[in-house]
Amino acid sequence: MDERLERYKKLLKEKGMKTTGQRLAIFEVLANEPDRHFTAEEIYEKVKASWPEIGLATVYRNIQKLSEFGVIDKLNLDDGFVRYEIGDPDRDKSHHHHHHLICLECGGVFTFEDDLLEQLEGRIRDTMGFIVSDHEVKFYGRCRACSEALKKK
């Protein structure tokens, strides 16, 4: 976490942003639970624990800026909320980080760390001359726990 925090501080400085305690608190909320997909309100509630005077508008503004810089990834998981997870501003933008598995029973969201579409992107490039810069994949179904619970019924 310390190395990541230092990279984050450096990035803020490079972008001309101050390294404030509030921004660090937002970063830490997301970095401490990298597999969780937070709403802005959930981030706000967690940050408010250490910064009681912070306003929701301040959290929204900071989330927007951090999303622009790739520190935070913005997600739509089709549940009516915009969600956020820790990003990696150092990642090679030509490689995708992960996909999401969404359980239709419990609503759980899981990450899948494999890029299944590299071959398809190559074929699209070769046949259409279209260069894919990013993609978002969501798989819907039942997680292991829900599938096993269904079998026991």
N, C-alpha and C. Protein backbone atom coordinates (compact mmCIF):
# COMPACT_ATOMS: atom_id res chain seq x y z
N MET A 1 0.83 -1.20 0.00
CA MET A 1 0.00 0.00 0.00
C MET A 1 0.86 1.25 0.00
N ASP A 2 1.98 1.26 0.75
CA ASP A 2 2.82 2.45 0.83
C ASP A 2 3.37 2.84 -0.54
N GLU A 3 3.81 1.84 -1.32
CA GLU A 3 4.34 2.12 -2.65
C GLU A 3 3.24 2.71 -3.54
N ARG A 4 2.07 2.14 -3.46
CA ARG A 4 0.94 2.62 -4.25
C ARG A 4 0.54 4.03 -3.82
N LEU A 5 0.57 4.28 -2.53
CA LEU A 5 0.24 5.60 -2.00
C LEU A 5 1.25 6.63 -2.50
N GLU A 6 2.51 6.27 -2.54
CA GLU A 6 3.54 7.19 -3.03
C GLU A 6 3.35 7.49 -4.52
N ARG A 7 3.00 6.45 -5.30
CA ARG A 7 2.73 6.67 -6.73
C ARG A 7 1.52 7.59 -6.90
N TYR A 8 0.53 7.40 -6.05
CA TYR A 8 -0.68 8.23 -6.08
C TYR A 8 -0.34 9.69 -5.77
N LYS A 9 0.45 9.91 -4.76
CA LYS A 9 0.86 11.28 -4.40
C LYS A 9 1.63 11.93 -5.54
N LYS A 10 2.53 11.16 -6.15
CA LYS A 10 3.32 11.66 -7.27
C LYS A 10 2.41 12.04 -8.44
N LEU A 11 1.42 11.19 -8.72
CA LEU A 11 0.49 11.46 -9.81
C LEU A 11 -0.29 12.75 -9.56
N LEU A 12 -0.76 12.93 -8.34
CA LEU A 12 -1.48 14.16 -8.00
C LEU A 12 -0.61 15.38 -8.27
N LYS A 13 0.64 15.29 -7.86
CA LYS A 13 1.57 16.40 -8.05
C LYS A 13 1.78 16.67 -9.54
N GLU A 14 1.96 15.60 -10.33
CA GLU A 14 2.16 15.75 -11.77
C GLU A 14 0.96 16.42 -12.44
N LYS A 15 -0.24 16.17 -11.92
CA LYS A 15 -1.46 16.72 -12.49
C LYS A 15 -1.78 18.10 -11.92
N GLY A 16 -0.90 18.60 -11.05
CA GLY A 16 -1.12 19.92 -10.48
C GLY A 16 -2.15 19.96 -9.37
N MET A 17 -2.44 18.80 -8.79
CA MET A 17 -3.41 18.73 -7.70
C MET A 17 -2.68 18.64 -6.36
N LYS A 18 -3.26 19.26 -5.37
CA LYS A 18 -2.70 19.16 -4.03
C LYS A 18 -2.99 17.78 -3.46
N THR A 19 -2.06 17.30 -2.65
CA THR A 19 -2.26 16.05 -1.93
C THR A 19 -2.93 16.39 -0.61
N THR A 20 -4.24 16.31 -0.60
CA THR A 20 -4.98 16.64 0.62
C THR A 20 -5.32 15.38 1.39
N GLY A 21 -5.58 15.55 2.66
CA GLY A 21 -5.99 14.42 3.49
C GLY A 21 -7.27 13.79 2.99
N GLN A 22 -8.17 14.61 2.46
CA GLN A 22 -9.44 14.09 1.95
C GLN A 22 -9.21 13.22 0.72
N ARG A 23 -8.34 13.67 -0.17
CA ARG A 23 -8.05 12.87 -1.37
C ARG A 23 -7.35 11.56 -0.99
N LEU A 24 -6.47 11.64 -0.02
CA LEU A 24 -5.80 10.43 0.45
C LEU A 24 -6.80 9.47 1.08
N ALA A 25 -7.76 10.02 1.81
CA ALA A 25 -8.78 9.18 2.45
C ALA A 25 -9.62 8.46 1.40
N ILE A 26 -9.99 9.15 0.32
CA ILE A 26 -10.76 8.53 -0.76
C ILE A 26 -9.94 7.41 -1.39
N PHE A 27 -8.69 7.70 -1.67
CA PHE A 27 -7.81 6.69 -2.25
C PHE A 27 -7.70 5.48 -1.34
N GLU A 28 -7.50 5.70 -0.05
CA GLU A 28 -7.33 4.60 0.90
C GLU A 28 -8.59 3.74 1.01
N VAL A 29 -9.76 4.36 0.97
CA VAL A 29 -11.01 3.59 1.02
C VAL A 29 -11.03 2.58 -0.12
N LEU A 30 -10.70 3.04 -1.32
CA LEU A 30 -10.73 2.16 -2.48
C LEU A 30 -9.57 1.16 -2.49
N ALA A 31 -8.39 1.63 -2.13
CA ALA A 31 -7.21 0.76 -2.15
C ALA A 31 -7.28 -0.33 -1.09
N ASN A 32 -7.93 -0.05 0.03
CA ASN A 32 -8.03 -1.03 1.11
C ASN A 32 -9.01 -2.16 0.80
N GLU A 33 -9.92 -1.93 -0.14
CA GLU A 33 -10.88 -2.96 -0.54
C GLU A 33 -10.92 -3.03 -2.06
N PRO A 34 -9.84 -3.52 -2.68
CA PRO A 34 -9.73 -3.46 -4.14
C PRO A 34 -10.76 -4.28 -4.90
N ASP A 35 -11.38 -5.25 -4.26
CA ASP A 35 -12.38 -6.06 -4.95
C ASP A 35 -13.80 -5.55 -4.75
N ARG A 36 -13.94 -4.46 -4.04
CA ARG A 36 -15.26 -3.89 -3.77
C ARG A 36 -15.55 -2.80 -4.79
N HIS A 37 -16.80 -2.63 -5.12
CA HIS A 37 -17.24 -1.65 -6.10
C HIS A 37 -18.16 -0.66 -5.39
N PHE A 38 -17.61 0.48 -5.01
CA PHE A 38 -18.30 1.45 -4.16
C PHE A 38 -19.13 2.44 -4.96
N THR A 39 -20.26 2.86 -4.40
CA THR A 39 -20.97 4.03 -4.91
C THR A 39 -20.29 5.25 -4.30
N ALA A 40 -20.54 6.42 -4.86
CA ALA A 40 -19.98 7.65 -4.31
C ALA A 40 -20.45 7.84 -2.87
N GLU A 41 -21.69 7.49 -2.61
CA GLU A 41 -22.24 7.64 -1.26
C GLU A 41 -21.54 6.71 -0.27
N GLU A 42 -21.21 5.51 -0.70
CA GLU A 42 -20.48 4.58 0.18
C GLU A 42 -19.08 5.09 0.47
N ILE A 43 -18.44 5.65 -0.55
CA ILE A 43 -17.12 6.25 -0.34
C ILE A 43 -17.25 7.40 0.65
N TYR A 44 -18.25 8.23 0.45
CA TYR A 44 -18.49 9.37 1.33
C TYR A 44 -18.66 8.92 2.79
N GLU A 45 -19.46 7.90 3.02
CA GLU A 45 -19.70 7.41 4.39
C GLU A 45 -18.42 6.92 5.03
N LYS A 46 -17.59 6.22 4.26
CA LYS A 46 -16.33 5.72 4.83
C LYS A 46 -15.35 6.86 5.09
N VAL A 47 -15.25 7.82 4.18
CA VAL A 47 -14.33 8.95 4.35
C VAL A 47 -14.79 9.82 5.51
N LYS A 48 -16.10 9.97 5.64
CA LYS A 48 -16.67 10.81 6.69
C LYS A 48 -16.26 10.33 8.09
N ALA A 49 -15.98 9.05 8.22
CA ALA A 49 -15.55 8.51 9.52
C ALA A 49 -14.25 9.18 10.00
N SER A 50 -13.34 9.48 9.06
CA SER A 50 -12.09 10.14 9.45
C SER A 50 -12.09 11.64 9.14
N TRP A 51 -13.01 12.08 8.32
CA TRP A 51 -13.13 13.50 7.97
C TRP A 51 -14.61 13.91 8.14
N PRO A 52 -15.08 14.06 9.38
CA PRO A 52 -16.51 14.32 9.62
C PRO A 52 -17.04 15.59 8.94
N GLU A 53 -16.16 16.55 8.67
CA GLU A 53 -16.61 17.81 8.07
C GLU A 53 -16.72 17.75 6.55
N ILE A 54 -16.30 16.65 5.93
CA ILE A 54 -16.31 16.56 4.48
C ILE A 54 -17.75 16.52 3.95
N GLY A 55 -17.96 17.16 2.83
CA GLY A 55 -19.29 17.16 2.21
C GLY A 55 -19.35 16.17 1.05
N LEU A 56 -20.55 15.73 0.75
CA LEU A 56 -20.76 14.79 -0.34
C LEU A 56 -20.29 15.40 -1.67
N ALA A 57 -20.55 16.70 -1.87
CA ALA A 57 -20.13 17.36 -3.11
C ALA A 57 -18.61 17.33 -3.27
N THR A 58 -17.89 17.46 -2.17
CA THR A 58 -16.42 17.40 -2.21
C THR A 58 -15.96 16.01 -2.64
N VAL A 59 -16.61 14.99 -2.10
CA VAL A 59 -16.27 13.62 -2.47
C VAL A 59 -16.56 13.41 -3.96
N TYR A 60 -17.72 13.86 -4.43
CA TYR A 60 -18.06 13.72 -5.85
C TYR A 60 -17.03 14.41 -6.74
N ARG A 61 -16.65 15.64 -6.41
CA ARG A 61 -15.67 16.38 -7.21
C ARG A 61 -14.34 15.64 -7.27
N ASN A 62 -13.89 15.15 -6.13
CA ASN A 62 -12.61 14.44 -6.08
C ASN A 62 -12.68 13.12 -6.84
N ILE A 63 -13.78 12.41 -6.72
CA ILE A 63 -13.95 11.15 -7.44
C ILE A 63 -13.87 11.41 -8.95
N GLN A 64 -14.52 12.46 -9.39
CA GLN A 64 -14.51 12.80 -10.82
C GLN A 64 -13.08 13.06 -11.30
N LYS A 65 -12.34 13.86 -10.57
CA LYS A 65 -10.95 14.17 -10.94
C LYS A 65 -10.09 12.90 -10.93
N LEU A 66 -10.23 12.11 -9.89
CA LEU A 66 -9.42 10.90 -9.77
C LEU A 66 -9.75 9.89 -10.87
N SER A 67 -11.01 9.89 -11.29
CA SER A 67 -11.43 9.03 -12.39
C SER A 67 -10.80 9.50 -13.70
N GLU A 68 -10.74 10.80 -13.91
CA GLU A 68 -10.12 11.35 -15.12
C GLU A 68 -8.65 10.95 -15.22
N PHE A 69 -7.97 10.83 -14.09
CA PHE A 69 -6.55 10.51 -14.08
C PHE A 69 -6.28 9.01 -14.05
N GLY A 70 -7.31 8.18 -14.01
CA GLY A 70 -7.12 6.74 -14.01
C GLY A 70 -6.81 6.14 -12.66
N VAL A 71 -6.89 6.95 -11.61
CA VAL A 71 -6.65 6.44 -10.26
C VAL A 71 -7.85 5.62 -9.81
N ILE A 72 -9.02 6.04 -10.25
CA ILE A 72 -10.28 5.36 -9.93
C ILE A 72 -10.93 4.97 -11.25
N ASP A 73 -11.45 3.76 -11.32
CA ASP A 73 -12.19 3.32 -12.49
C ASP A 73 -13.68 3.45 -12.20
N LYS A 74 -14.40 4.00 -13.16
CA LYS A 74 -15.84 4.20 -13.07
C LYS A 74 -16.53 3.01 -13.73
N LEU A 75 -17.54 2.45 -13.07
CA LEU A 75 -18.21 1.26 -13.57
C LEU A 75 -19.72 1.43 -13.58
N ASN A 76 -20.35 0.77 -14.54
CA ASN A 76 -21.79 0.64 -14.55
C ASN A 76 -22.08 -0.85 -14.48
N LEU A 77 -22.60 -1.29 -13.36
CA LEU A 77 -22.88 -2.72 -13.18
C LEU A 77 -24.37 -3.01 -13.32
N ASP A 78 -25.06 -2.12 -13.99
CA ASP A 78 -26.49 -2.29 -14.31
C ASP A 78 -27.37 -2.45 -13.08
N ASP A 79 -26.99 -1.80 -11.98
CA ASP A 79 -27.81 -1.87 -10.78
C ASP A 79 -28.39 -0.50 -10.42
N GLY A 80 -28.28 0.45 -11.35
CA GLY A 80 -28.83 1.78 -11.12
C GLY A 80 -27.86 2.75 -10.45
N PHE A 81 -26.64 2.30 -10.19
CA PHE A 81 -25.64 3.15 -9.53
C PHE A 81 -24.38 3.22 -10.38
N VAL A 82 -23.72 4.35 -10.31
CA VAL A 82 -22.36 4.42 -10.84
C VAL A 82 -21.47 3.95 -9.70
N ARG A 83 -20.57 3.06 -10.00
CA ARG A 83 -19.69 2.50 -8.98
C ARG A 83 -18.24 2.79 -9.33
N TYR A 84 -17.40 2.70 -8.30
CA TYR A 84 -15.99 3.02 -8.47
C TYR A 84 -15.14 1.95 -7.81
N GLU A 85 -13.98 1.72 -8.40
CA GLU A 85 -13.01 0.81 -7.83
C GLU A 85 -11.63 1.42 -8.04
N ILE A 86 -10.68 0.92 -7.32
CA ILE A 86 -9.32 1.44 -7.45
C ILE A 86 -8.82 1.15 -8.86
N GLY A 87 -8.18 2.11 -9.45
CA GLY A 87 -7.61 1.95 -10.78
C GLY A 87 -6.11 1.80 -10.68
N ASP A 88 -5.48 1.75 -11.81
CA ASP A 88 -4.02 1.70 -11.85
C ASP A 88 -3.56 2.65 -12.94
N PRO A 89 -3.18 3.87 -12.55
CA PRO A 89 -2.78 4.85 -13.57
C PRO A 89 -1.51 4.46 -14.31
N ASP A 90 -0.76 3.50 -13.80
CA ASP A 90 0.47 3.05 -14.45
C ASP A 90 0.24 1.91 -15.43
N ARG A 91 -0.96 1.33 -15.44
CA ARG A 91 -1.18 0.17 -16.29
C ARG A 91 -1.10 0.57 -17.76
N ASP A 92 -0.65 -0.36 -18.55
CA ASP A 92 -0.57 -0.19 -19.99
C ASP A 92 -1.99 -0.12 -20.51
N LYS A 93 -2.38 1.01 -21.06
CA LYS A 93 -3.76 1.21 -21.50
C LYS A 93 -4.17 0.27 -22.63
N SER A 94 -3.21 -0.38 -23.28
CA SER A 94 -3.56 -1.31 -24.34
C SER A 94 -3.93 -2.69 -23.76
N HIS A 95 -3.74 -2.88 -22.47
CA HIS A 95 -4.12 -4.14 -21.82
C HIS A 95 -5.22 -3.85 -20.81
N HIS A 96 -6.21 -4.65 -20.82
CA HIS A 96 -7.37 -4.45 -19.96
C HIS A 96 -7.11 -5.15 -18.64
N HIS A 97 -7.63 -4.58 -17.58
CA HIS A 97 -7.29 -5.12 -16.28
C HIS A 97 -8.16 -6.28 -15.85
N HIS A 98 -9.45 -6.19 -15.97
CA HIS A 98 -10.29 -7.32 -15.58
C HIS A 98 -11.73 -7.11 -16.03
N HIS A 99 -12.48 -8.18 -15.91
CA HIS A 99 -13.90 -8.17 -16.27
C HIS A 99 -14.70 -8.43 -15.01
N HIS A 100 -16.00 -8.27 -15.12
CA HIS A 100 -16.86 -8.42 -13.94
C HIS A 100 -17.87 -9.54 -14.13
N LEU A 101 -18.04 -10.31 -13.07
CA LEU A 101 -19.01 -11.38 -13.01
C LEU A 101 -20.09 -10.94 -12.02
N ILE A 102 -21.34 -10.90 -12.47
CA ILE A 102 -22.42 -10.37 -11.65
C ILE A 102 -23.42 -11.48 -11.36
N CYS A 103 -23.60 -11.79 -10.09
CA CYS A 103 -24.53 -12.85 -9.68
C CYS A 103 -25.95 -12.29 -9.67
N LEU A 104 -26.83 -12.96 -10.39
CA LEU A 104 -28.22 -12.53 -10.47
C LEU A 104 -29.03 -12.92 -9.23
N GLU A 105 -28.47 -13.80 -8.41
CA GLU A 105 -29.17 -14.22 -7.19
C GLU A 105 -28.86 -13.29 -6.02
N CYS A 106 -27.59 -13.17 -5.68
CA CYS A 106 -27.19 -12.41 -4.49
C CYS A 106 -26.73 -10.99 -4.80
N GLY A 107 -26.52 -10.70 -6.08
CA GLY A 107 -26.06 -9.37 -6.47
C GLY A 107 -24.56 -9.17 -6.30
N GLY A 108 -23.84 -10.21 -5.93
CA GLY A 108 -22.40 -10.09 -5.77
C GLY A 108 -21.71 -9.76 -7.08
N VAL A 109 -20.64 -9.02 -6.98
CA VAL A 109 -19.84 -8.67 -8.15
C VAL A 109 -18.42 -9.18 -7.90
N PHE A 110 -17.93 -9.95 -8.85
CA PHE A 110 -16.62 -10.57 -8.72
C PHE A 110 -15.77 -10.15 -9.92
N THR A 111 -14.47 -10.06 -9.70
CA THR A 111 -13.59 -9.70 -10.80
C THR A 111 -12.95 -10.95 -11.38
N PHE A 112 -12.73 -10.91 -12.66
CA PHE A 112 -12.10 -12.01 -13.39
C PHE A 112 -10.87 -11.45 -14.08
N GLU A 113 -9.70 -11.92 -13.68
CA GLU A 113 -8.42 -11.36 -14.11
C GLU A 113 -7.87 -12.06 -15.35
N ASP A 114 -8.59 -11.98 -16.44
CA ASP A 114 -8.10 -12.57 -17.68
C ASP A 114 -8.72 -11.80 -18.83
N ASP A 115 -7.93 -11.49 -19.84
CA ASP A 115 -8.47 -10.79 -20.99
C ASP A 115 -8.79 -11.81 -22.07
N LEU A 116 -10.06 -12.03 -22.26
CA LEU A 116 -10.52 -13.04 -23.19
C LEU A 116 -10.66 -12.53 -24.62
N LEU A 117 -10.51 -11.24 -24.81
CA LEU A 117 -10.87 -10.67 -26.09
C LEU A 117 -9.69 -10.20 -26.94
N GLU A 118 -8.48 -10.52 -26.57
CA GLU A 118 -7.33 -10.06 -27.35
C GLU A 118 -7.37 -10.58 -28.78
N GLN A 119 -7.73 -11.84 -28.96
CA GLN A 119 -7.82 -12.41 -30.31
C GLN A 119 -8.89 -11.69 -31.13
N LEU A 120 -10.03 -11.45 -30.51
CA LEU A 120 -11.12 -10.78 -31.21
C LEU A 120 -10.71 -9.36 -31.60
N GLU A 121 -10.04 -8.66 -30.69
CA GLU A 121 -9.59 -7.31 -31.01
C GLU A 121 -8.61 -7.32 -32.18
N GLY A 122 -7.74 -8.33 -32.23
CA GLY A 122 -6.82 -8.46 -33.36
C GLY A 122 -7.55 -8.69 -34.67
N ARG A 123 -8.57 -9.50 -34.60
CA ARG A 123 -9.37 -9.78 -35.81
C ARG A 123 -10.13 -8.54 -36.26
N ILE A 124 -10.67 -7.80 -35.31
CA ILE A 124 -11.36 -6.54 -35.64
C ILE A 124 -10.39 -5.57 -36.30
N ARG A 125 -9.18 -5.47 -35.73
CA ARG A 125 -8.16 -4.59 -36.31
C ARG A 125 -7.82 -5.03 -37.73
N ASP A 126 -7.61 -6.33 -37.91
CA ASP A 126 -7.18 -6.84 -39.22
C ASP A 126 -8.28 -6.73 -40.28
N THR A 127 -9.51 -7.00 -39.92
CA THR A 127 -10.59 -7.00 -40.92
C THR A 127 -11.26 -5.65 -41.11
N MET A 128 -11.34 -4.87 -40.04
CA MET A 128 -12.08 -3.61 -40.12
C MET A 128 -11.19 -2.37 -40.05
N GLY A 129 -9.92 -2.56 -39.68
CA GLY A 129 -9.04 -1.42 -39.51
C GLY A 129 -9.39 -0.59 -38.29
N PHE A 130 -10.17 -1.17 -37.40
CA PHE A 130 -10.63 -0.49 -36.18
C PHE A 130 -9.75 -0.93 -35.03
N ILE A 131 -9.15 0.03 -34.36
CA ILE A 131 -8.26 -0.30 -33.25
C ILE A 131 -9.01 -0.07 -31.94
N VAL A 132 -9.24 -1.15 -31.23
CA VAL A 132 -9.96 -1.11 -29.95
C VAL A 132 -9.00 -0.57 -28.89
N SER A 133 -9.44 0.47 -28.17
CA SER A 133 -8.59 1.01 -27.11
C SER A 133 -9.01 0.50 -25.74
N ASP A 134 -10.23 0.04 -25.63
CA ASP A 134 -10.71 -0.49 -24.36
C ASP A 134 -12.01 -1.24 -24.60
N HIS A 135 -12.38 -2.05 -23.64
CA HIS A 135 -13.67 -2.71 -23.67
C HIS A 135 -14.10 -3.01 -22.25
N GLU A 136 -15.37 -3.26 -22.11
CA GLU A 136 -15.92 -3.60 -20.80
C GLU A 136 -16.77 -4.84 -20.97
N VAL A 137 -16.49 -5.86 -20.18
CA VAL A 137 -17.23 -7.10 -20.28
C VAL A 137 -17.86 -7.41 -18.93
N LYS A 138 -19.14 -7.76 -18.98
CA LYS A 138 -19.86 -8.17 -17.78
C LYS A 138 -20.54 -9.51 -18.08
N PHE A 139 -20.31 -10.46 -17.22
CA PHE A 139 -20.95 -11.76 -17.33
C PHE A 139 -22.02 -11.86 -16.24
N TYR A 140 -23.20 -12.33 -16.60
CA TYR A 140 -24.30 -12.47 -15.65
C TYR A 140 -24.58 -13.95 -15.44
N GLY A 141 -24.87 -14.31 -14.21
CA GLY A 141 -25.19 -15.70 -13.91
C GLY A 141 -25.29 -15.89 -12.41
N ARG A 142 -24.92 -17.07 -11.95
CA ARG A 142 -24.94 -17.38 -10.52
C ARG A 142 -23.53 -17.63 -10.03
N CYS A 143 -23.21 -17.06 -8.88
CA CYS A 143 -21.89 -17.30 -8.28
C CYS A 143 -21.86 -18.73 -7.73
N ARG A 144 -20.69 -19.16 -7.31
CA ARG A 144 -20.51 -20.52 -6.80
C ARG A 144 -21.43 -20.78 -5.60
N ALA A 145 -21.46 -19.84 -4.65
CA ALA A 145 -22.27 -20.04 -3.44
C ALA A 145 -23.75 -20.17 -3.78
N CYS A 146 -24.24 -19.32 -4.66
CA CYS A 146 -25.66 -19.38 -5.03
C CYS A 146 -25.97 -20.63 -5.84
N SER A 147 -25.06 -21.04 -6.70
CA SER A 147 -25.25 -22.27 -7.48
C SER A 147 -25.31 -23.48 -6.55
N GLU A 148 -24.41 -23.53 -5.57
CA GLU A 148 -24.40 -24.66 -4.63
C GLU A 148 -25.63 -24.66 -3.75
N ALA A 149 -26.10 -23.48 -3.34
CA ALA A 149 -27.31 -23.39 -2.52
C ALA A 149 -28.52 -23.86 -3.32
N LEU A 150 -28.55 -23.55 -4.59
CA LEU A 150 -29.66 -23.96 -5.47
C LEU A 150 -29.68 -25.49 -5.62
N LYS A 151 -28.50 -26.11 -5.71
CA LYS A 151 -28.39 -27.57 -5.84
C LYS A 151 -28.94 -28.28 -4.60
N LYS A 152 -28.78 -27.65 -3.43
CA LYS A 152 -29.20 -28.28 -2.17
C LYS A 152 -30.72 -28.19 -1.94
N LYS A 153 -31.39 -27.41 -2.72
CA LYS A 153 -32.85 -27.25 -2.55
C LYS A 153 -33.61 -28.42 -3.10
